[in-house]
Amino acid sequence: MSPAREHAVELLRQMVLVRRFEEKCAELYGLGKIRGFLHLYVGEEAVAAGVLAALGPDDNVLATYREHGQALLRGVPPGAVMAEMFGRANGCSRGRGGSMHLFDVERRFHGGHAIVGGGLPVAVGLALADTHLGRAGVTACFFGDGATAEGEFHESLNLAALWRLPVLFVCENNLYAMGTALERHQAVPDLAAKPPTYGIPTERVDGMDVLAVEDAARRAVERMRATPGPAFLEVRTYRFRAHSMYDAELYRDKAEVKRWAEERDPIRLLDDDLRRRGWLDADARAALERGVEQLVRDAVAEAEAGPLEPVEDLERDVLA
């Protein structure tokens, strides 16, 4: 394979991994093996795959409560992520975080944040620390369109711009803040119009096109490494499933969801592109699928075999 072909096929594999992992999580949730809140990334895979492809191992990553995709593609082992879903001690957060609080310091994955916009000021703090310590890393912070209505969104953009901190703000605009359409929670629905008021370079990108996302992220990261300061990407995407497994999803038309899934599925779009270029055939695609399915099966087996934290550790790490 040429490097370009190999890279494109790897991006497809990554998106398929996230999709199959999330589908398995939905199945296990229905069986009662995963409990609590569960927010799936189905439909948004191109955002994580594209942005993380532009980052290096010394960069920081923060995400929202819909962060399984970012964790997996950042390199957190699928078994450790699934075990965390099961609440097992071999999970990446020792079973104490669950779906919304995945964390891996070694891979500089600084968590899923359950509070809307909660990761934004943390990202600014990490970038500030790296700057003072002379580290060259970039901090990428994923958040949804709903976070742009929070005060900490504006405070974080202002400080990052004021202090010229290398924060890549990645707005995953899936057009709905939980159950509220974008135009119903934003007086100015053009989210890309907000960061330039702080002097932050901003780009809007098609979040269903993984190659376009990667290209935009690489440009932003290269500029930040050359000239310190933040950058902002508004990534237009769409989730194919409800906000969470508890969501009755009465706020959007089923025909709208069906149209996005049929016409704008990021996996199908890249798959079709690779086949047109002659970079992928049916046998290679089937082999890719088999490899991903095995990874997911192994992750489930690791989670099911994992131990529960002993009762005597109930008060461990609890401060009063």
Protein backbone atom coordinates (compact mmCIF):
# COMPACT_ATOMS: atom_id res chain seq x y z
CA MET A 1 0.00 0.00 0.00
CA SER A 2 1.05 3.58 -0.60
CA PRO A 3 1.22 5.69 2.58
CA ALA A 4 -1.87 7.66 1.54
CA ARG A 5 -3.86 4.51 0.83
CA GLU A 6 -2.72 2.81 4.04
CA HIS A 7 -3.66 5.88 6.06
CA ALA A 8 -7.11 6.18 4.49
CA VAL A 9 -7.85 2.49 5.09
CA GLU A 10 -6.72 2.91 8.70
CA LEU A 11 -9.11 5.83 9.16
CA LEU A 12 -11.91 3.59 7.87
CA ARG A 13 -10.88 0.83 10.29
CA GLN A 14 -10.91 3.27 13.17
CA MET A 15 -14.40 4.51 12.36
CA VAL A 16 -15.68 0.96 11.96
CA LEU A 17 -14.14 0.07 15.34
CA VAL A 18 -15.99 2.92 17.04
CA ARG A 19 -19.27 2.05 15.27
CA ARG A 20 -19.14 -1.66 16.16
CA PHE A 21 -18.03 -0.92 19.71
CA GLU A 22 -20.95 1.45 20.20
CA GLU A 23 -23.43 -0.98 18.67
CA LYS A 24 -22.21 -3.67 21.04
CA CYS A 25 -22.57 -1.27 23.98
CA ALA A 26 -26.20 -0.63 23.00
CA GLU A 27 -26.79 -4.39 22.87
CA LEU A 28 -25.16 -4.96 26.26
CA TYR A 29 -27.13 -2.09 27.76
CA GLY A 30 -30.34 -3.80 26.67
CA LEU A 31 -29.12 -6.97 28.41
CA GLY A 32 -28.48 -5.06 31.63
CA LYS A 33 -24.72 -5.64 31.57
CA ILE A 34 -24.02 -1.92 31.13
CA ARG A 35 -25.96 0.38 33.44
CA GLY A 36 -26.30 4.06 34.19
CA PHE A 37 -26.06 6.68 31.45
CA LEU A 38 -24.82 5.73 27.99
CA HIS A 39 -24.29 8.25 25.17
CA LEU A 40 -23.33 6.71 21.83
CA TYR A 41 -21.12 8.22 19.13
CA VAL A 42 -22.79 6.51 16.16
CA GLY A 43 -22.69 8.89 13.20
CA GLU A 44 -19.99 11.17 14.62
CA GLU A 45 -17.01 8.84 14.16
CA ALA A 46 -15.31 11.02 11.54
CA VAL A 47 -14.81 13.83 14.06
CA ALA A 48 -12.71 11.82 16.48
CA ALA A 49 -10.86 9.92 13.74
CA GLY A 50 -10.02 13.05 11.77
CA VAL A 51 -8.94 15.28 14.65
CA LEU A 52 -6.93 12.64 16.52
CA ALA A 53 -5.05 11.77 13.32
CA ALA A 54 -3.60 15.29 13.45
CA LEU A 55 -2.34 14.98 17.05
CA GLY A 56 0.80 13.48 18.51
CA PRO A 57 1.36 11.39 21.66
CA ASP A 58 2.48 14.45 23.66
CA ASP A 59 -0.76 16.35 23.00
CA ASN A 60 -3.65 16.45 25.47
CA VAL A 61 -7.18 15.32 24.65
CA LEU A 62 -10.39 16.12 26.53
CA ALA A 63 -13.91 15.13 25.56
CA THR A 64 -17.54 15.19 26.66
CA TYR A 65 -19.68 12.40 28.10
CA ARG A 66 -19.97 11.04 24.50
CA GLU A 67 -16.30 10.12 24.49
CA HIS A 68 -15.94 6.40 23.78
CA GLY A 69 -14.73 7.16 20.24
CA GLN A 70 -12.06 9.60 21.38
CA ALA A 71 -10.85 7.18 24.06
CA LEU A 72 -10.58 4.23 21.69
CA LEU A 73 -8.84 6.19 18.95
CA ARG A 74 -6.50 7.81 21.44
CA GLY A 75 -5.24 4.32 22.18
CA VAL A 76 -7.10 3.37 25.34
CA PRO A 77 -7.43 -0.43 24.96
CA PRO A 78 -10.96 -1.53 24.00
CA GLY A 79 -10.97 -4.02 26.88
CA ALA A 80 -10.20 -1.28 29.40
CA VAL A 81 -12.98 0.90 27.96
CA MET A 82 -15.53 -1.93 27.96
CA ALA A 83 -14.54 -2.99 31.47
CA GLU A 84 -15.19 0.58 32.60
CA MET A 85 -18.67 0.31 31.08
CA PHE A 86 -19.21 -2.82 33.14
CA GLY A 87 -17.98 -1.08 36.31
CA ARG A 88 -15.09 -3.52 36.69
CA ALA A 89 -11.83 -2.79 38.47
CA ASN A 90 -9.82 -3.47 35.29
CA GLY A 91 -11.55 -0.54 33.60
CA CYS A 92 -9.53 2.51 32.61
CA SER A 93 -10.99 4.43 35.58
CA ARG A 94 -11.02 1.35 37.85
CA GLY A 95 -14.74 0.95 37.26
CA ARG A 96 -15.56 4.15 39.13
CA GLY A 97 -16.23 6.41 36.16
CA GLY A 98 -18.41 4.40 33.83
CA SER A 99 -19.38 5.53 30.36
CA MET A 100 -19.09 9.28 30.98
CA HIS A 101 -15.75 9.37 32.81
CA LEU A 102 -13.13 7.50 30.80
CA PHE A 103 -9.58 8.57 31.69
CA ASP A 104 -6.04 7.53 30.81
CA VAL A 105 -3.19 9.74 32.03
CA GLU A 106 -0.52 7.68 30.25
CA ARG A 107 -2.12 8.48 26.90
CA ARG A 108 -2.84 12.06 27.94
CA PHE A 109 -6.57 11.42 27.63
CA HIS A 110 -7.89 13.69 30.34
CA GLY A 111 -11.32 12.39 30.57
CA GLY A 112 -14.86 12.48 29.55
CA HIS A 113 -16.59 15.39 31.28
CA ALA A 114 -20.23 14.94 32.21
CA ILE A 115 -20.90 18.63 32.87
CA VAL A 116 -21.71 20.45 29.63
CA GLY A 117 -18.68 22.61 28.81
CA GLY A 118 -16.84 21.28 31.86
CA GLY A 119 -13.78 20.26 29.88
CA LEU A 120 -13.18 23.72 28.42
CA PRO A 121 -11.54 25.42 31.43
CA VAL A 122 -9.62 22.20 32.17
CA ALA A 123 -8.21 22.33 28.64
CA VAL A 124 -7.09 25.92 29.18
CA GLY A 125 -5.43 24.89 32.45
CA LEU A 126 -3.58 21.99 30.82
CA ALA A 127 -2.35 24.22 28.01
CA LEU A 128 -1.25 26.84 30.54
CA ALA A 129 0.65 24.19 32.52
CA ASP A 130 2.37 22.88 29.39
CA THR A 131 3.36 26.42 28.43
CA HIS A 132 4.89 27.15 31.83
CA LEU A 133 6.70 23.80 31.87
CA GLY A 134 8.12 24.34 28.40
CA ARG A 135 6.23 21.45 26.82
CA ALA A 136 5.37 21.77 23.14
CA GLY A 137 2.06 19.90 23.22
CA VAL A 138 -1.30 21.02 21.88
CA THR A 139 -4.49 20.52 23.90
CA ALA A 140 -7.54 19.40 21.92
CA CYS A 141 -10.90 19.87 23.61
CA PHE A 142 -14.09 18.34 22.16
CA PHE A 143 -17.48 19.78 23.14
CA GLY A 144 -20.98 20.03 21.73
CA ASP A 145 -22.98 22.93 20.34
CA GLY A 146 -24.86 23.18 23.64
CA ALA A 147 -21.65 24.14 25.44
CA THR A 148 -21.41 27.37 23.44
CA ALA A 149 -24.30 28.75 25.53
CA GLU A 150 -22.30 28.28 28.75
CA GLY A 151 -20.34 31.07 30.38
CA GLU A 152 -17.21 28.92 30.63
CA PHE A 153 -17.16 28.66 26.82
CA HIS A 154 -16.56 32.39 26.53
CA GLU A 155 -14.24 32.54 29.54
CA SER A 156 -12.11 29.72 28.12
CA LEU A 157 -11.86 31.22 24.64
CA ASN A 158 -10.99 34.60 26.10
CA LEU A 159 -8.19 33.29 28.35
CA ALA A 160 -6.76 31.01 25.65
CA ALA A 161 -6.59 33.96 23.26
CA LEU A 162 -5.32 36.39 25.90
CA TRP A 163 -2.53 34.09 27.03
CA ARG A 164 -1.86 32.66 23.53
CA LEU A 165 -2.37 29.08 24.65
CA PRO A 166 -2.28 26.18 22.15
CA VAL A 167 -5.85 24.94 22.63
CA LEU A 168 -7.68 23.39 19.70
CA PHE A 169 -11.37 23.97 20.43
CA VAL A 170 -13.37 21.32 18.55
CA CYS A 171 -17.09 22.03 18.52
CA GLU A 172 -18.97 18.85 17.60
CA ASN A 173 -22.06 20.59 16.27
CA ASN A 174 -24.60 17.79 15.86
CA LEU A 175 -27.44 20.36 15.63
CA TYR A 176 -29.10 19.32 18.90
CA ALA A 177 -28.13 20.14 22.49
CA MET A 178 -29.70 17.08 24.07
CA GLY A 179 -33.26 17.59 22.78
CA THR A 180 -33.05 21.25 21.78
CA ALA A 181 -32.41 22.22 18.17
CA LEU A 182 -29.55 24.64 17.54
CA GLU A 183 -31.78 27.52 16.43
CA ARG A 184 -33.81 27.19 19.65
CA HIS A 185 -30.86 27.57 22.03
CA GLN A 186 -28.65 30.05 20.15
CA ALA A 187 -29.65 33.63 19.33
CA VAL A 188 -26.88 33.48 16.68
CA PRO A 189 -26.86 29.90 15.33
CA ASP A 190 -23.69 30.53 13.31
CA LEU A 191 -21.28 29.11 15.87
CA ALA A 192 -18.22 29.85 13.74
CA ALA A 193 -19.01 33.56 14.09
CA LYS A 194 -18.25 33.55 17.83
CA PRO A 195 -14.51 32.68 18.17
CA PRO A 196 -13.28 35.42 15.77
CA THR A 197 -14.58 38.00 18.26
CA TYR A 198 -11.72 36.78 20.49
CA GLY A 199 -9.25 36.88 17.58
CA ILE A 200 -9.21 33.08 17.27
CA PRO A 201 -8.66 31.55 13.80
CA THR A 202 -11.80 29.58 12.97
CA GLU A 203 -12.84 27.08 10.34
CA ARG A 204 -16.12 25.31 9.62
CA VAL A 205 -15.76 21.75 8.30
CA ASP A 206 -18.00 18.89 7.13
CA GLY A 207 -17.92 16.49 10.07
CA MET A 208 -19.14 13.55 8.00
CA ASP A 209 -16.02 13.67 5.79
CA VAL A 210 -13.12 12.26 7.82
CA LEU A 211 -10.49 13.41 5.31
CA ALA A 212 -11.83 16.98 5.42
CA VAL A 213 -11.82 16.92 9.22
CA GLU A 214 -8.25 15.64 9.33
CA ASP A 215 -7.11 18.25 6.81
CA ALA A 216 -8.67 21.10 8.79
CA ALA A 217 -7.28 19.78 12.08
CA ARG A 218 -3.77 19.40 10.64
CA ARG A 219 -3.78 22.96 9.35
CA ALA A 220 -4.91 24.26 12.72
CA VAL A 221 -2.37 22.18 14.69
CA GLU A 222 0.53 23.10 12.40
CA ARG A 223 -0.33 26.78 12.76
CA MET A 224 -0.53 26.46 16.54
CA ARG A 225 2.83 24.72 16.74
CA ALA A 226 4.43 27.43 14.64
CA THR A 227 2.70 30.38 16.31
CA PRO A 228 1.31 29.84 19.83
CA GLY A 229 -2.35 30.58 20.25
CA PRO A 230 -5.71 28.80 20.06
CA ALA A 231 -7.73 27.64 17.07
CA PHE A 232 -11.38 26.72 16.65
CA LEU A 233 -13.08 24.12 14.45
CA GLU A 234 -16.83 23.96 14.07
CA VAL A 235 -17.37 20.39 12.88
CA ARG A 236 -20.85 19.87 11.45
CA THR A 237 -21.91 16.33 12.32
CA TYR A 238 -25.00 14.33 13.30
CA ARG A 239 -25.72 11.56 15.74
CA PHE A 240 -27.78 8.69 14.35
CA ARG A 241 -28.99 7.53 17.76
CA ALA A 242 -30.82 9.28 20.55
CA HIS A 243 -29.00 11.62 22.93
CA SER A 244 -28.70 8.78 25.45
CA MET A 245 -30.22 5.37 26.01
CA TYR A 246 -32.85 7.05 28.22
CA ASP A 247 -33.90 9.48 25.48
CA ALA A 248 -37.32 8.90 23.88
CA GLU A 249 -36.17 11.16 21.02
CA LEU A 250 -39.44 12.99 20.43
CA TYR A 251 -37.81 16.26 19.32
CA ARG A 252 -36.60 15.39 15.82
CA ASP A 253 -38.27 13.89 12.80
CA LYS A 254 -37.48 10.24 12.06
CA ALA A 255 -37.25 11.08 8.36
CA GLU A 256 -34.45 13.56 9.16
CA VAL A 257 -32.45 10.90 11.00
CA LYS A 258 -33.04 8.39 8.20
CA ARG A 259 -31.90 10.90 5.58
CA TRP A 260 -28.65 11.66 7.40
CA ALA A 261 -27.95 7.95 7.99
CA GLU A 262 -28.60 7.02 4.38
CA GLU A 263 -26.94 9.96 2.67
CA ARG A 264 -24.21 11.18 5.04
CA ASP A 265 -22.91 8.14 6.93
CA PRO A 266 -19.17 8.92 7.33
CA ILE A 267 -18.19 5.25 7.12
CA ARG A 268 -20.12 4.68 3.90
CA LEU A 269 -18.78 7.91 2.39
CA LEU A 270 -15.15 6.91 2.97
CA ASP A 271 -15.82 3.30 1.96
CA ASP A 272 -17.29 4.47 -1.36
CA ASP A 273 -14.39 6.87 -1.92
CA LEU A 274 -11.79 4.14 -1.32
CA ARG A 275 -13.54 1.76 -3.71
CA ARG A 276 -13.72 4.45 -6.42
CA ARG A 277 -9.97 4.98 -6.09
CA GLY A 278 -9.33 1.26 -6.27
CA TRP A 279 -7.85 1.31 -2.77
CA LEU A 280 -10.31 -1.16 -1.22
CA ASP A 281 -12.03 -4.29 -2.52
CA ALA A 282 -14.70 -6.56 -1.04
CA ASP A 283 -12.20 -9.05 0.42
CA ALA A 284 -10.15 -6.35 2.16
CA ARG A 285 -13.31 -4.72 3.50
CA ALA A 286 -14.55 -8.04 4.88
CA ALA A 287 -11.18 -8.72 6.50
CA LEU A 288 -11.24 -5.27 8.10
CA GLU A 289 -14.70 -5.99 9.50
CA ARG A 290 -13.62 -9.37 10.87
CA GLY A 291 -10.63 -7.84 12.62
CA VAL A 292 -12.79 -5.18 14.27
CA GLU A 293 -15.41 -7.71 15.34
CA GLN A 294 -12.70 -9.80 16.99
CA LEU A 295 -11.40 -6.75 18.87
CA VAL A 296 -14.91 -6.04 20.18
CA ARG A 297 -15.47 -9.68 21.18
CA ASP A 298 -12.16 -9.69 23.04
CA ALA A 299 -13.10 -6.43 24.79
CA VAL A 300 -16.39 -7.89 26.00
CA ALA A 301 -14.65 -11.04 27.22
CA GLU A 302 -12.09 -8.96 29.11
CA ALA A 303 -14.84 -6.90 30.70
CA GLU A 304 -16.92 -9.90 31.71
CA ALA A 305 -13.87 -11.58 33.26
CA GLY A 306 -12.83 -8.46 35.14
CA PRO A 307 -13.09 -8.28 38.94
CA LEU A 308 -15.41 -6.01 40.88
CA GLU A 309 -13.71 -3.62 43.28
CA PRO A 310 -13.74 -5.09 46.79
CA VAL A 311 -16.28 -3.65 49.19
CA GLU A 312 -13.53 -2.63 51.62
CA ASP A 313 -12.32 -0.11 49.00
CA LEU A 314 -15.68 1.69 49.02
CA GLU A 315 -14.25 4.77 50.74
CA ARG A 316 -10.97 4.77 48.83
CA ASP A 317 -10.25 8.14 47.21
CA VAL A 318 -13.34 9.65 48.87
CA LEU A 319 -12.58 12.93 50.69
CA ALA A 320 -14.78 14.44 53.40
